[in-house]
mmCIF file of all heavy atoms, coordinates in Angstrom:
data_MODEL
# 
_entry.id   MODEL 
# 
loop_
_atom_site.group_PDB 
_atom_site.id 
_atom_site.type_symbol 
_atom_site.label_atom_id 
_atom_site.label_alt_id 
_atom_site.label_comp_id 
_atom_site.label_asym_id 
_atom_site.label_entity_id 
_atom_site.label_seq_id 
_atom_site.pdbx_PDB_ins_code 
_atom_site.Cartn_x 
_atom_site.Cartn_y 
_atom_site.Cartn_z 
_atom_site.occupancy 
_atom_site.B_iso_or_equiv 
_atom_site.pdbx_formal_charge 
_atom_site.auth_seq_id 
_atom_site.auth_comp_id 
_atom_site.auth_asym_id 
_atom_site.auth_atom_id 
_atom_site.pdbx_PDB_model_num 
ATOM 1   N N   . LYS A 1 1  ? -7.086  20.350  -6.117  1.00 0.00 ? 1  LYS A N   1 
ATOM 2   C CA  . LYS A 1 1  ? -7.481  19.889  -4.792  1.00 0.00 ? 1  LYS A CA  1 
ATOM 3   C C   . LYS A 1 1  ? -7.849  18.401  -4.826  1.00 0.00 ? 1  LYS A C   1 
ATOM 4   O O   . LYS A 1 1  ? -7.475  17.603  -3.965  1.00 0.00 ? 1  LYS A O   1 
ATOM 5   C CB  . LYS A 1 1  ? -8.643  20.724  -4.265  1.00 0.00 ? 1  LYS A CB  1 
ATOM 6   C CG  . LYS A 1 1  ? -8.995  20.435  -2.794  1.00 0.00 ? 1  LYS A CG  1 
ATOM 7   C CD  . LYS A 1 1  ? -10.067 21.389  -2.299  1.00 0.00 ? 1  LYS A CD  1 
ATOM 8   C CE  . LYS A 1 1  ? -10.282 21.225  -0.793  1.00 0.00 ? 1  LYS A CE  1 
ATOM 9   N NZ  . LYS A 1 1  ? -10.698 19.878  -0.419  1.00 0.00 ? 1  LYS A NZ  1 
ATOM 10  N N   . LEU A 1 2  ? -8.593  18.014  -5.875  1.00 0.00 ? 2  LEU A N   1 
ATOM 11  C CA  . LEU A 1 2  ? -9.005  16.619  -6.000  1.00 0.00 ? 2  LEU A CA  1 
ATOM 12  C C   . LEU A 1 2  ? -7.801  15.705  -6.201  1.00 0.00 ? 2  LEU A C   1 
ATOM 13  O O   . LEU A 1 2  ? -7.723  14.607  -5.636  1.00 0.00 ? 2  LEU A O   1 
ATOM 14  C CB  . LEU A 1 2  ? -9.984  16.474  -7.170  1.00 0.00 ? 2  LEU A CB  1 
ATOM 15  C CG  . LEU A 1 2  ? -10.535 15.058  -7.415  1.00 0.00 ? 2  LEU A CG  1 
ATOM 16  C CD1 . LEU A 1 2  ? -11.329 14.592  -6.208  1.00 0.00 ? 2  LEU A CD1 1 
ATOM 17  C CD2 . LEU A 1 2  ? -11.397 15.019  -8.660  1.00 0.00 ? 2  LEU A CD2 1 
ATOM 18  N N   . LYS A 1 3  ? -6.856  16.203  -7.000  1.00 0.00 ? 3  LYS A N   1 
ATOM 19  C CA  . LYS A 1 3  ? -5.660  15.391  -7.241  1.00 0.00 ? 3  LYS A CA  1 
ATOM 20  C C   . LYS A 1 3  ? -4.895  15.107  -5.947  1.00 0.00 ? 3  LYS A C   1 
ATOM 21  O O   . LYS A 1 3  ? -4.280  14.059  -5.790  1.00 0.00 ? 3  LYS A O   1 
ATOM 22  C CB  . LYS A 1 3  ? -4.731  16.107  -8.223  1.00 0.00 ? 3  LYS A CB  1 
ATOM 23  C CG  . LYS A 1 3  ? -5.287  16.201  -9.639  1.00 0.00 ? 3  LYS A CG  1 
ATOM 24  C CD  . LYS A 1 3  ? -4.320  16.956  -10.527 1.00 0.00 ? 3  LYS A CD  1 
ATOM 25  C CE  . LYS A 1 3  ? -4.891  17.139  -11.931 1.00 0.00 ? 3  LYS A CE  1 
ATOM 26  N NZ  . LYS A 1 3  ? -3.975  17.904  -12.792 1.00 0.00 ? 3  LYS A NZ  1 
ATOM 27  N N   . GLU A 1 4  ? -4.916  16.034  -5.004  1.00 0.00 ? 4  GLU A N   1 
ATOM 28  C CA  . GLU A 1 4  ? -4.188  15.856  -3.749  1.00 0.00 ? 4  GLU A CA  1 
ATOM 29  C C   . GLU A 1 4  ? -5.001  15.062  -2.728  1.00 0.00 ? 4  GLU A C   1 
ATOM 30  O O   . GLU A 1 4  ? -4.457  14.626  -1.713  1.00 0.00 ? 4  GLU A O   1 
ATOM 31  C CB  . GLU A 1 4  ? -3.822  17.229  -3.167  1.00 0.00 ? 4  GLU A CB  1 
ATOM 32  C CG  . GLU A 1 4  ? -2.848  18.028  -4.004  1.00 0.00 ? 4  GLU A CG  1 
ATOM 33  C CD  . GLU A 1 4  ? -1.553  17.282  -4.254  1.00 0.00 ? 4  GLU A CD  1 
ATOM 34  O OE1 . GLU A 1 4  ? -1.096  16.565  -3.332  1.00 0.00 ? 4  GLU A OE1 1 
ATOM 35  O OE2 . GLU A 1 4  ? -1.011  17.375  -5.362  1.00 0.00 ? 4  GLU A OE2 1 
ATOM 36  N N   . GLU A 1 5  ? -6.305  14.861  -2.976  1.00 0.00 ? 5  GLU A N   1 
ATOM 37  C CA  . GLU A 1 5  ? -7.133  14.134  -2.019  1.00 0.00 ? 5  GLU A CA  1 
ATOM 38  C C   . GLU A 1 5  ? -7.327  12.668  -2.413  1.00 0.00 ? 5  GLU A C   1 
ATOM 39  O O   . GLU A 1 5  ? -7.862  11.887  -1.643  1.00 0.00 ? 5  GLU A O   1 
ATOM 40  C CB  . GLU A 1 5  ? -8.510  14.813  -1.894  1.00 0.00 ? 5  GLU A CB  1 
ATOM 41  C CG  . GLU A 1 5  ? -8.454  16.155  -1.182  1.00 0.00 ? 5  GLU A CG  1 
ATOM 42  C CD  . GLU A 1 5  ? -9.826  16.805  -1.062  1.00 0.00 ? 5  GLU A CD  1 
ATOM 43  O OE1 . GLU A 1 5  ? -10.774 16.270  -1.684  1.00 0.00 ? 5  GLU A OE1 1 
ATOM 44  O OE2 . GLU A 1 5  ? -9.935  17.810  -0.363  1.00 0.00 ? 5  GLU A OE2 1 
ATOM 45  N N   . VAL A 1 6  ? -6.929  12.307  -3.619  1.00 0.00 ? 6  VAL A N   1 
ATOM 46  C CA  . VAL A 1 6  ? -7.020  10.913  -4.073  1.00 0.00 ? 6  VAL A CA  1 
ATOM 47  C C   . VAL A 1 6  ? -5.608  10.326  -4.100  1.00 0.00 ? 6  VAL A C   1 
ATOM 48  O O   . VAL A 1 6  ? -4.716  10.895  -4.732  1.00 0.00 ? 6  VAL A O   1 
ATOM 49  C CB  . VAL A 1 6  ? -7.666  10.817  -5.468  1.00 0.00 ? 6  VAL A CB  1 
ATOM 50  C CG1 . VAL A 1 6  ? -7.695  9.369   -5.948  1.00 0.00 ? 6  VAL A CG1 1 
ATOM 51  C CG2 . VAL A 1 6  ? -9.076  11.389  -5.436  1.00 0.00 ? 6  VAL A CG2 1 
ATOM 52  N N   . PHE A 1 7  ? -5.448  9.202   -3.433  1.00 0.00 ? 7  PHE A N   1 
ATOM 53  C CA  . PHE A 1 7  ? -4.132  8.562   -3.365  1.00 0.00 ? 7  PHE A CA  1 
ATOM 54  C C   . PHE A 1 7  ? -4.204  7.157   -3.947  1.00 0.00 ? 7  PHE A C   1 
ATOM 55  O O   . PHE A 1 7  ? -5.225  6.474   -3.872  1.00 0.00 ? 7  PHE A O   1 
ATOM 56  C CB  . PHE A 1 7  ? -3.632  8.511   -1.916  1.00 0.00 ? 7  PHE A CB  1 
ATOM 57  C CG  . PHE A 1 7  ? -3.047  9.814   -1.451  1.00 0.00 ? 7  PHE A CG  1 
ATOM 58  C CD1 . PHE A 1 7  ? -3.874  10.869  -1.064  1.00 0.00 ? 7  PHE A CD1 1 
ATOM 59  C CD2 . PHE A 1 7  ? -1.678  10.005  -1.424  1.00 0.00 ? 7  PHE A CD2 1 
ATOM 60  C CE1 . PHE A 1 7  ? -3.346  12.069  -0.661  1.00 0.00 ? 7  PHE A CE1 1 
ATOM 61  C CE2 . PHE A 1 7  ? -1.135  11.206  -1.019  1.00 0.00 ? 7  PHE A CE2 1 
ATOM 62  C CZ  . PHE A 1 7  ? -1.959  12.248  -0.632  1.00 0.00 ? 7  PHE A CZ  1 
ATOM 63  N N   . ILE A 1 8  ? -3.078  6.763   -4.520  1.00 0.00 ? 8  ILE A N   1 
ATOM 64  C CA  . ILE A 1 8  ? -2.970  5.449   -5.160  1.00 0.00 ? 8  ILE A CA  1 
ATOM 65  C C   . ILE A 1 8  ? -2.047  4.570   -4.318  1.00 0.00 ? 8  ILE A C   1 
ATOM 66  O O   . ILE A 1 8  ? -0.933  4.980   -3.971  1.00 0.00 ? 8  ILE A O   1 
ATOM 67  C CB  . ILE A 1 8  ? -2.378  5.546   -6.580  1.00 0.00 ? 8  ILE A CB  1 
ATOM 68  C CG1 . ILE A 1 8  ? -3.041  6.686   -7.362  1.00 0.00 ? 8  ILE A CG1 1 
ATOM 69  C CG2 . ILE A 1 8  ? -2.502  4.219   -7.317  1.00 0.00 ? 8  ILE A CG2 1 
ATOM 70  C CD1 . ILE A 1 8  ? -4.517  6.511   -7.565  1.00 0.00 ? 8  ILE A CD1 1 
ATOM 71  N N   . LYS A 1 9  ? -2.503  3.367   -3.994  1.00 0.00 ? 9  LYS A N   1 
ATOM 72  C CA  . LYS A 1 9  ? -1.650  2.411   -3.264  1.00 0.00 ? 9  LYS A CA  1 
ATOM 73  C C   . LYS A 1 9  ? -1.415  1.199   -4.161  1.00 0.00 ? 9  LYS A C   1 
ATOM 74  O O   . LYS A 1 9  ? -2.355  0.554   -4.611  1.00 0.00 ? 9  LYS A O   1 
ATOM 75  C CB  . LYS A 1 9  ? -2.313  1.969   -1.964  1.00 0.00 ? 9  LYS A CB  1 
ATOM 76  C CG  . LYS A 1 9  ? -1.497  0.928   -1.194  1.00 0.00 ? 9  LYS A CG  1 
ATOM 77  C CD  . LYS A 1 9  ? -2.118  0.629   0.153   1.00 0.00 ? 9  LYS A CD  1 
ATOM 78  C CE  . LYS A 1 9  ? -1.388  -0.503  0.863   1.00 0.00 ? 9  LYS A CE  1 
ATOM 79  N NZ  . LYS A 1 9  ? 0.020   -0.244  1.080   1.00 0.00 ? 9  LYS A NZ  1 
ATOM 80  N N   . HIS A 1 10 ? -0.142  0.930   -4.426  1.00 0.00 ? 10 HIS A N   1 
ATOM 81  C CA  . HIS A 1 10 ? 0.237   -0.233  -5.236  1.00 0.00 ? 10 HIS A CA  1 
ATOM 82  C C   . HIS A 1 10 ? 0.633   -1.379  -4.310  1.00 0.00 ? 10 HIS A C   1 
ATOM 83  O O   . HIS A 1 10 ? 1.387   -1.194  -3.361  1.00 0.00 ? 10 HIS A O   1 
ATOM 84  C CB  . HIS A 1 10 ? 1.446   0.091   -6.121  1.00 0.00 ? 10 HIS A CB  1 
ATOM 85  C CG  . HIS A 1 10 ? 1.133   1.041   -7.240  1.00 0.00 ? 10 HIS A CG  1 
ATOM 86  N ND1 . HIS A 1 10 ? 0.878   0.621   -8.512  1.00 0.00 ? 10 HIS A ND1 1 
ATOM 87  C CD2 . HIS A 1 10 ? 1.035   2.402   -7.264  1.00 0.00 ? 10 HIS A CD2 1 
ATOM 88  C CE1 . HIS A 1 10 ? 0.643   1.669   -9.285  1.00 0.00 ? 10 HIS A CE1 1 
ATOM 89  N NE2 . HIS A 1 10 ? 0.738   2.762   -8.549  1.00 0.00 ? 10 HIS A NE2 1 
ATOM 90  N N   . VAL A 1 11 ? 0.146   -2.577  -4.612  1.00 0.00 ? 11 VAL A N   1 
ATOM 91  C CA  . VAL A 1 11 ? 0.638   -3.795  -3.943  1.00 0.00 ? 11 VAL A CA  1 
ATOM 92  C C   . VAL A 1 11 ? 1.217   -4.675  -5.043  1.00 0.00 ? 11 VAL A C   1 
ATOM 93  O O   . VAL A 1 11 ? 0.487   -5.234  -5.858  1.00 0.00 ? 11 VAL A O   1 
ATOM 94  C CB  . VAL A 1 11 ? -0.488  -4.535  -3.194  1.00 0.00 ? 11 VAL A CB  1 
ATOM 95  C CG1 . VAL A 1 11 ? 0.089   -5.755  -2.474  1.00 0.00 ? 11 VAL A CG1 1 
ATOM 96  C CG2 . VAL A 1 11 ? -1.165  -3.613  -2.192  1.00 0.00 ? 11 VAL A CG2 1 
ATOM 97  N N   . LYS A 1 12 ? 2.530   -4.754  -5.084  1.00 0.00 ? 12 LYS A N   1 
ATOM 98  C CA  . LYS A 1 12 ? 3.213   -5.457  -6.173  1.00 0.00 ? 12 LYS A CA  1 
ATOM 99  C C   . LYS A 1 12 ? 3.922   -6.688  -5.622  1.00 0.00 ? 12 LYS A C   1 
ATOM 100 O O   . LYS A 1 12 ? 5.079   -6.631  -5.211  1.00 0.00 ? 12 LYS A O   1 
ATOM 101 C CB  . LYS A 1 12 ? 4.215   -4.527  -6.853  1.00 0.00 ? 12 LYS A CB  1 
ATOM 102 C CG  . LYS A 1 12 ? 3.574   -3.299  -7.480  1.00 0.00 ? 12 LYS A CG  1 
ATOM 103 C CD  . LYS A 1 12 ? 4.620   -2.375  -8.075  1.00 0.00 ? 12 LYS A CD  1 
ATOM 104 C CE  . LYS A 1 12 ? 3.993   -1.121  -8.674  1.00 0.00 ? 12 LYS A CE  1 
ATOM 105 N NZ  . LYS A 1 12 ? 5.014   -0.185  -9.180  1.00 0.00 ? 12 LYS A NZ  1 
ATOM 106 N N   . GLY A 1 13 ? 3.205   -7.796  -5.592  1.00 0.00 ? 13 GLY A N   1 
ATOM 107 C CA  . GLY A 1 13 ? 3.767   -9.033  -5.067  1.00 0.00 ? 13 GLY A CA  1 
ATOM 108 C C   . GLY A 1 13 ? 2.799   -9.683  -4.101  1.00 0.00 ? 13 GLY A C   1 
ATOM 109 O O   . GLY A 1 13 ? 1.786   -9.105  -3.713  1.00 0.00 ? 13 GLY A O   1 
ATOM 110 N N   . PRO A 1 14 ? 3.080   -10.919 -3.681  1.00 0.00 ? 14 PRO A N   1 
ATOM 111 C CA  . PRO A 1 14 ? 2.190   -11.635 -2.766  1.00 0.00 ? 14 PRO A CA  1 
ATOM 112 C C   . PRO A 1 14 ? 2.126   -10.957 -1.400  1.00 0.00 ? 14 PRO A C   1 
ATOM 113 O O   . PRO A 1 14 ? 3.134   -10.441 -0.908  1.00 0.00 ? 14 PRO A O   1 
ATOM 114 C CB  . PRO A 1 14 ? 2.826   -13.031 -2.667  1.00 0.00 ? 14 PRO A CB  1 
ATOM 115 C CG  . PRO A 1 14 ? 4.253   -12.826 -3.038  1.00 0.00 ? 14 PRO A CG  1 
ATOM 116 C CD  . PRO A 1 14 ? 4.272   -11.722 -4.036  1.00 0.00 ? 14 PRO A CD  1 
ATOM 117 N N   . LEU A 1 15 ? 0.951   -10.977 -0.805  1.00 0.00 ? 15 LEU A N   1 
ATOM 118 C CA  . LEU A 1 15 ? 0.772   -10.427 0.536   1.00 0.00 ? 15 LEU A CA  1 
ATOM 119 C C   . LEU A 1 15 ? 0.624   -11.623 1.482   1.00 0.00 ? 15 LEU A C   1 
ATOM 120 O O   . LEU A 1 15 ? -0.428  -12.247 1.546   1.00 0.00 ? 15 LEU A O   1 
ATOM 121 C CB  . LEU A 1 15 ? -0.466  -9.537  0.580   1.00 0.00 ? 15 LEU A CB  1 
ATOM 122 C CG  . LEU A 1 15 ? -0.725  -8.808  1.912   1.00 0.00 ? 15 LEU A CG  1 
ATOM 123 C CD1 . LEU A 1 15 ? 0.448   -7.927  2.298   1.00 0.00 ? 15 LEU A CD1 1 
ATOM 124 C CD2 . LEU A 1 15 ? -2.005  -7.994  1.826   1.00 0.00 ? 15 LEU A CD2 1 
ATOM 125 N N   . PHE A 1 16 ? 1.720   -11.957 2.179   1.00 0.00 ? 16 PHE A N   1 
ATOM 126 C CA  . PHE A 1 16 ? 1.714   -13.111 3.073   1.00 0.00 ? 16 PHE A CA  1 
ATOM 127 C C   . PHE A 1 16 ? 2.370   -12.719 4.394   1.00 0.00 ? 16 PHE A C   1 
ATOM 128 O O   . PHE A 1 16 ? 2.755   -11.567 4.577   1.00 0.00 ? 16 PHE A O   1 
ATOM 129 C CB  . PHE A 1 16 ? 2.422   -14.297 2.421   1.00 0.00 ? 16 PHE A CB  1 
ATOM 130 C CG  . PHE A 1 16 ? 3.906   -14.112 2.253   1.00 0.00 ? 16 PHE A CG  1 
ATOM 131 C CD1 . PHE A 1 16 ? 4.814   -14.869 2.975   1.00 0.00 ? 16 PHE A CD1 1 
ATOM 132 C CD2 . PHE A 1 16 ? 4.408   -13.166 1.354   1.00 0.00 ? 16 PHE A CD2 1 
ATOM 133 C CE1 . PHE A 1 16 ? 6.176   -14.695 2.806   1.00 0.00 ? 16 PHE A CE1 1 
ATOM 134 C CE2 . PHE A 1 16 ? 5.768   -12.990 1.189   1.00 0.00 ? 16 PHE A CE2 1 
ATOM 135 C CZ  . PHE A 1 16 ? 6.655   -13.758 1.928   1.00 0.00 ? 16 PHE A CZ  1 
ATOM 136 N N   . PHE A 1 17 ? 2.475   -13.678 5.298   1.00 0.00 ? 17 PHE A N   1 
ATOM 137 C CA  . PHE A 1 17 ? 2.926   -13.320 6.651   1.00 0.00 ? 17 PHE A CA  1 
ATOM 138 C C   . PHE A 1 17 ? 4.317   -12.710 6.685   1.00 0.00 ? 17 PHE A C   1 
ATOM 139 O O   . PHE A 1 17 ? 4.676   -12.038 7.642   1.00 0.00 ? 17 PHE A O   1 
ATOM 140 C CB  . PHE A 1 17 ? 2.855   -14.538 7.583   1.00 0.00 ? 17 PHE A CB  1 
ATOM 141 C CG  . PHE A 1 17 ? 3.794   -15.661 7.221   1.00 0.00 ? 17 PHE A CG  1 
ATOM 142 C CD1 . PHE A 1 17 ? 5.073   -15.715 7.733   1.00 0.00 ? 17 PHE A CD1 1 
ATOM 143 C CD2 . PHE A 1 17 ? 3.381   -16.668 6.366   1.00 0.00 ? 17 PHE A CD2 1 
ATOM 144 C CE1 . PHE A 1 17 ? 5.926   -16.752 7.401   1.00 0.00 ? 17 PHE A CE1 1 
ATOM 145 C CE2 . PHE A 1 17 ? 4.224   -17.714 6.034   1.00 0.00 ? 17 PHE A CE2 1 
ATOM 146 C CZ  . PHE A 1 17 ? 5.510   -17.750 6.550   1.00 0.00 ? 17 PHE A CZ  1 
ATOM 147 N N   . GLY A 1 18 ? 5.097   -12.932 5.623   1.00 0.00 ? 18 GLY A N   1 
ATOM 148 C CA  . GLY A 1 18 ? 6.427   -12.338 5.600   1.00 0.00 ? 18 GLY A CA  1 
ATOM 149 C C   . GLY A 1 18 ? 6.432   -10.883 5.158   1.00 0.00 ? 18 GLY A C   1 
ATOM 150 O O   . GLY A 1 18 ? 7.454   -10.202 5.263   1.00 0.00 ? 18 GLY A O   1 
ATOM 151 N N   . SER A 1 19 ? 5.295   -10.372 4.638   1.00 0.00 ? 19 SER A N   1 
ATOM 152 C CA  . SER A 1 19 ? 5.275   -8.998  4.141   1.00 0.00 ? 19 SER A CA  1 
ATOM 153 C C   . SER A 1 19 ? 4.180   -8.142  4.767   1.00 0.00 ? 19 SER A C   1 
ATOM 154 O O   . SER A 1 19 ? 3.981   -7.007  4.359   1.00 0.00 ? 19 SER A O   1 
ATOM 155 C CB  . SER A 1 19 ? 5.098   -9.005  2.612   1.00 0.00 ? 19 SER A CB  1 
ATOM 156 O OG  . SER A 1 19 ? 3.895   -9.648  2.247   1.00 0.00 ? 19 SER A OG  1 
ATOM 157 N N   . THR A 1 20 ? 3.460   -8.675  5.762   1.00 0.00 ? 20 THR A N   1 
ATOM 158 C CA  . THR A 1 20 ? 2.332   -7.934  6.344   1.00 0.00 ? 20 THR A CA  1 
ATOM 159 C C   . THR A 1 20 ? 2.779   -6.675  7.070   1.00 0.00 ? 20 THR A C   1 
ATOM 160 O O   . THR A 1 20 ? 2.117   -5.633  6.988   1.00 0.00 ? 20 THR A O   1 
ATOM 161 C CB  . THR A 1 20 ? 1.527   -8.822  7.302   1.00 0.00 ? 20 THR A CB  1 
ATOM 162 O OG1 . THR A 1 20 ? 2.430   -9.405  8.252   1.00 0.00 ? 20 THR A OG1 1 
ATOM 163 C CG2 . THR A 1 20 ? 0.800   -9.921  6.560   1.00 0.00 ? 20 THR A CG2 1 
ATOM 164 N N   . SER A 1 21 ? 3.908   -6.752  7.782   1.00 0.00 ? 21 SER A N   1 
ATOM 165 C CA  . SER A 1 21 ? 4.353   -5.578  8.542   1.00 0.00 ? 21 SER A CA  1 
ATOM 166 C C   . SER A 1 21 ? 4.710   -4.431  7.604   1.00 0.00 ? 21 SER A C   1 
ATOM 167 O O   . SER A 1 21 ? 4.382   -3.262  7.868   1.00 0.00 ? 21 SER A O   1 
ATOM 168 C CB  . SER A 1 21 ? 5.538   -5.925  9.441   1.00 0.00 ? 21 SER A CB  1 
ATOM 169 O OG  . SER A 1 21 ? 6.617   -6.411  8.673   1.00 0.00 ? 21 SER A OG  1 
ATOM 170 N N   . GLU A 1 22 ? 5.365   -4.758  6.468   1.00 0.00 ? 22 GLU A N   1 
ATOM 171 C CA  . GLU A 1 22 ? 5.709   -3.721  5.496   1.00 0.00 ? 22 GLU A CA  1 
ATOM 172 C C   . GLU A 1 22 ? 4.447   -3.144  4.852   1.00 0.00 ? 22 GLU A C   1 
ATOM 173 O O   . GLU A 1 22 ? 4.353   -1.946  4.595   1.00 0.00 ? 22 GLU A O   1 
ATOM 174 C CB  . GLU A 1 22 ? 6.628   -4.292  4.404   1.00 0.00 ? 22 GLU A CB  1 
ATOM 175 C CG  . GLU A 1 22 ? 8.052   -4.601  4.853   1.00 0.00 ? 22 GLU A CG  1 
ATOM 176 C CD  . GLU A 1 22 ? 8.159   -5.953  5.529   1.00 0.00 ? 22 GLU A CD  1 
ATOM 177 O OE1 . GLU A 1 22 ? 7.122   -6.643  5.659   1.00 0.00 ? 22 GLU A OE1 1 
ATOM 178 O OE2 . GLU A 1 22 ? 9.269   -6.320  5.952   1.00 0.00 ? 22 GLU A OE2 1 
ATOM 179 N N   . PHE A 1 23 ? 3.463   -3.998  4.612   1.00 0.00 ? 23 PHE A N   1 
ATOM 180 C CA  . PHE A 1 23 ? 2.192   -3.550  4.041   1.00 0.00 ? 23 PHE A CA  1 
ATOM 181 C C   . PHE A 1 23 ? 1.496   -2.561  4.984   1.00 0.00 ? 23 PHE A C   1 
ATOM 182 O O   . PHE A 1 23 ? 1.008   -1.511  4.555   1.00 0.00 ? 23 PHE A O   1 
ATOM 183 C CB  . PHE A 1 23 ? 1.288   -4.756  3.773   1.00 0.00 ? 23 PHE A CB  1 
ATOM 184 C CG  . PHE A 1 23 ? -0.096  -4.385  3.326   1.00 0.00 ? 23 PHE A CG  1 
ATOM 185 C CD1 . PHE A 1 23 ? -0.341  -3.997  2.017   1.00 0.00 ? 23 PHE A CD1 1 
ATOM 186 C CD2 . PHE A 1 23 ? -1.166  -4.402  4.221   1.00 0.00 ? 23 PHE A CD2 1 
ATOM 187 C CE1 . PHE A 1 23 ? -1.620  -3.642  1.596   1.00 0.00 ? 23 PHE A CE1 1 
ATOM 188 C CE2 . PHE A 1 23 ? -2.437  -4.046  3.818   1.00 0.00 ? 23 PHE A CE2 1 
ATOM 189 C CZ  . PHE A 1 23 ? -2.664  -3.673  2.494   1.00 0.00 ? 23 PHE A CZ  1 
ATOM 190 N N   . GLN A 1 24 ? 1.465   -2.902  6.268   1.00 0.00 ? 24 GLN A N   1 
ATOM 191 C CA  . GLN A 1 24 ? 0.812   -2.021  7.237   1.00 0.00 ? 24 GLN A CA  1 
ATOM 192 C C   . GLN A 1 24 ? 1.574   -0.700  7.386   1.00 0.00 ? 24 GLN A C   1 
ATOM 193 O O   . GLN A 1 24 ? 0.971   0.365   7.550   1.00 0.00 ? 24 GLN A O   1 
ATOM 194 C CB  . GLN A 1 24 ? 0.681   -2.733  8.580   1.00 0.00 ? 24 GLN A CB  1 
ATOM 195 C CG  . GLN A 1 24 ? -0.362  -3.854  8.535   1.00 0.00 ? 24 GLN A CG  1 
ATOM 196 C CD  . GLN A 1 24 ? -0.320  -4.745  9.751   1.00 0.00 ? 24 GLN A CD  1 
ATOM 197 O OE1 . GLN A 1 24 ? 0.743   -5.028  10.290  1.00 0.00 ? 24 GLN A OE1 1 
ATOM 198 N NE2 . GLN A 1 24 ? -1.485  -5.205  10.194  1.00 0.00 ? 24 GLN A NE2 1 
ATOM 199 N N   . SER A 1 25 ? 2.902   -0.769  7.311   1.00 0.00 ? 25 SER A N   1 
ATOM 200 C CA  . SER A 1 25 ? 3.712   0.459   7.378   1.00 0.00 ? 25 SER A CA  1 
ATOM 201 C C   . SER A 1 25 ? 3.421   1.349   6.179   1.00 0.00 ? 25 SER A C   1 
ATOM 202 O O   . SER A 1 25 ? 3.339   2.577   6.297   1.00 0.00 ? 25 SER A O   1 
ATOM 203 C CB  . SER A 1 25 ? 5.206   0.108   7.407   1.00 0.00 ? 25 SER A CB  1 
ATOM 204 O OG  . SER A 1 25 ? 5.523   -0.661  8.542   1.00 0.00 ? 25 SER A OG  1 
ATOM 205 N N   . LEU A 1 26 ? 3.254   0.727   5.027   1.00 0.00 ? 26 LEU A N   1 
ATOM 206 C CA  . LEU A 1 26 ? 2.970   1.468   3.806   1.00 0.00 ? 26 LEU A CA  1 
ATOM 207 C C   . LEU A 1 26 ? 1.588   2.136   3.900   1.00 0.00 ? 26 LEU A C   1 
ATOM 208 O O   . LEU A 1 26 ? 1.403   3.285   3.505   1.00 0.00 ? 26 LEU A O   1 
ATOM 209 C CB  . LEU A 1 26 ? 3.008   0.511   2.608   1.00 0.00 ? 26 LEU A CB  1 
ATOM 210 C CG  . LEU A 1 26 ? 3.274   1.112   1.229   1.00 0.00 ? 26 LEU A CG  1 
ATOM 211 C CD1 . LEU A 1 26 ? 4.636   1.768   1.187   1.00 0.00 ? 26 LEU A CD1 1 
ATOM 212 C CD2 . LEU A 1 26 ? 3.192   0.027   0.162   1.00 0.00 ? 26 LEU A CD2 1 
# 
């Protein structure tokens, strides 16, 4: 149950105005 309630989010690369929409979608 705990394994399914904890999620991992990877951000691999710069977070700038060209990638914000994809970040929010993720």
